[in-house]
Every structure is written in structure tokens, then in C-alpha cells.
Protein backbone atom coordinates (compact mmCIF):
# COMPACT_ATOMS: atom_id res chain seq x y z
CA MET A 1 34.47 6.95 -30.61
CA THR A 2 32.83 9.47 -28.33
CA ASP A 3 30.82 8.51 -25.30
CA ASP A 4 28.20 10.84 -24.03
CA PRO A 5 28.94 11.19 -20.30
CA SER A 6 25.35 12.15 -19.57
CA ILE A 7 24.24 8.61 -20.51
CA LEU A 8 26.71 7.19 -18.01
CA ILE A 9 25.50 9.61 -15.35
CA TYR A 10 21.86 8.70 -16.03
CA GLY A 11 22.72 5.02 -15.83
CA LEU A 12 24.54 5.45 -12.54
CA ALA A 13 21.71 7.56 -11.13
CA ALA A 14 19.18 4.91 -12.19
CA VAL A 15 21.16 2.18 -10.40
CA VAL A 16 21.37 4.26 -7.22
CA VAL A 17 17.66 5.10 -7.31
CA LEU A 18 16.70 1.45 -7.86
CA TRP A 19 18.95 0.39 -5.01
CA LEU A 20 17.33 2.94 -2.68
CA VAL A 21 13.81 1.95 -3.76
CA PHE A 22 14.45 -1.76 -3.18
CA ALA A 23 16.10 -1.06 0.19
CA MET A 24 13.08 0.96 1.32
CA MET A 25 10.64 -1.66 0.02
CA ARG A 26 12.50 -4.34 1.99
CA LYS A 27 12.23 -2.26 5.17
CA LEU A 28 8.54 -1.51 4.58
CA PHE A 29 7.82 -5.18 3.91
CA GLY A 30 9.51 -6.14 7.17
CA ILE A 31 7.56 -3.51 9.09
CA ALA A 32 4.31 -4.72 7.49
CA ILE A 33 5.00 -8.31 8.56
CA ILE A 34 5.77 -7.27 12.14
CA LEU A 35 2.65 -5.10 12.23
CA ALA A 36 0.49 -7.95 10.89
CA LEU A 37 1.84 -10.32 13.54
CA ALA A 38 1.20 -7.73 16.27
CA VAL A 39 -2.39 -7.13 15.10
CA GLY A 40 -3.02 -10.88 14.89
CA ALA A 41 -1.67 -11.41 18.40
CA TRP A 42 -3.81 -8.55 19.69
CA MET A 43 -6.93 -10.04 18.05
CA VAL A 44 -6.26 -13.48 19.54
CA TRP A 45 -5.53 -11.97 22.95
CA ASN A 46 -8.77 -9.96 23.01
CA ASP A 47 -11.14 -12.54 21.48
CA PRO A 48 -11.09 -16.01 23.07
CA ASP A 49 -13.34 -17.37 20.30
CA ILE A 50 -10.58 -16.80 17.75
CA LEU A 51 -8.12 -18.62 20.01
CA ALA A 52 -10.54 -21.52 20.44
CA GLY A 53 -11.03 -21.75 16.68
CA LEU A 54 -7.28 -21.69 16.18
CA TRP A 55 -6.77 -24.53 18.64
CA ALA A 56 -9.56 -26.49 16.93
CA THR A 57 -7.73 -26.39 13.61
CA PHE A 58 -4.72 -28.17 15.14
CA ASP A 59 -6.72 -30.91 16.88
């Protein structure tokens, strides 16, 4: 039985590439969440009407 080593190399390369892609997506998702929270806080800080509407939803 002969195994083609190029198939093993392609498989290993695919696993490494997928691992890198998912690691980067996790970092980008975290950055996007932090950015969204910062923009939301900036909007509430600069517009008192948004803050008043937010407080009204909890009353």
C-alpha cells in the first residue's frame, strides 16, 4: 500500500490554515464587540435623549 505524501501535506496545511482563519475571526469578532460597545457608549454620552429613552425602557 502506497500513501501519497502530498495528500498528507495538503491535509496538514488545510488544518493549519483553518486554525489560523478561526483564530483571526475570533480576534476580529472580539474587536468588533468592543468597538460596538465604545460607539454605543459614545452615542449615549453625547445624546441625552438616547439615555432618557434607555432609562424609560427599564421603568
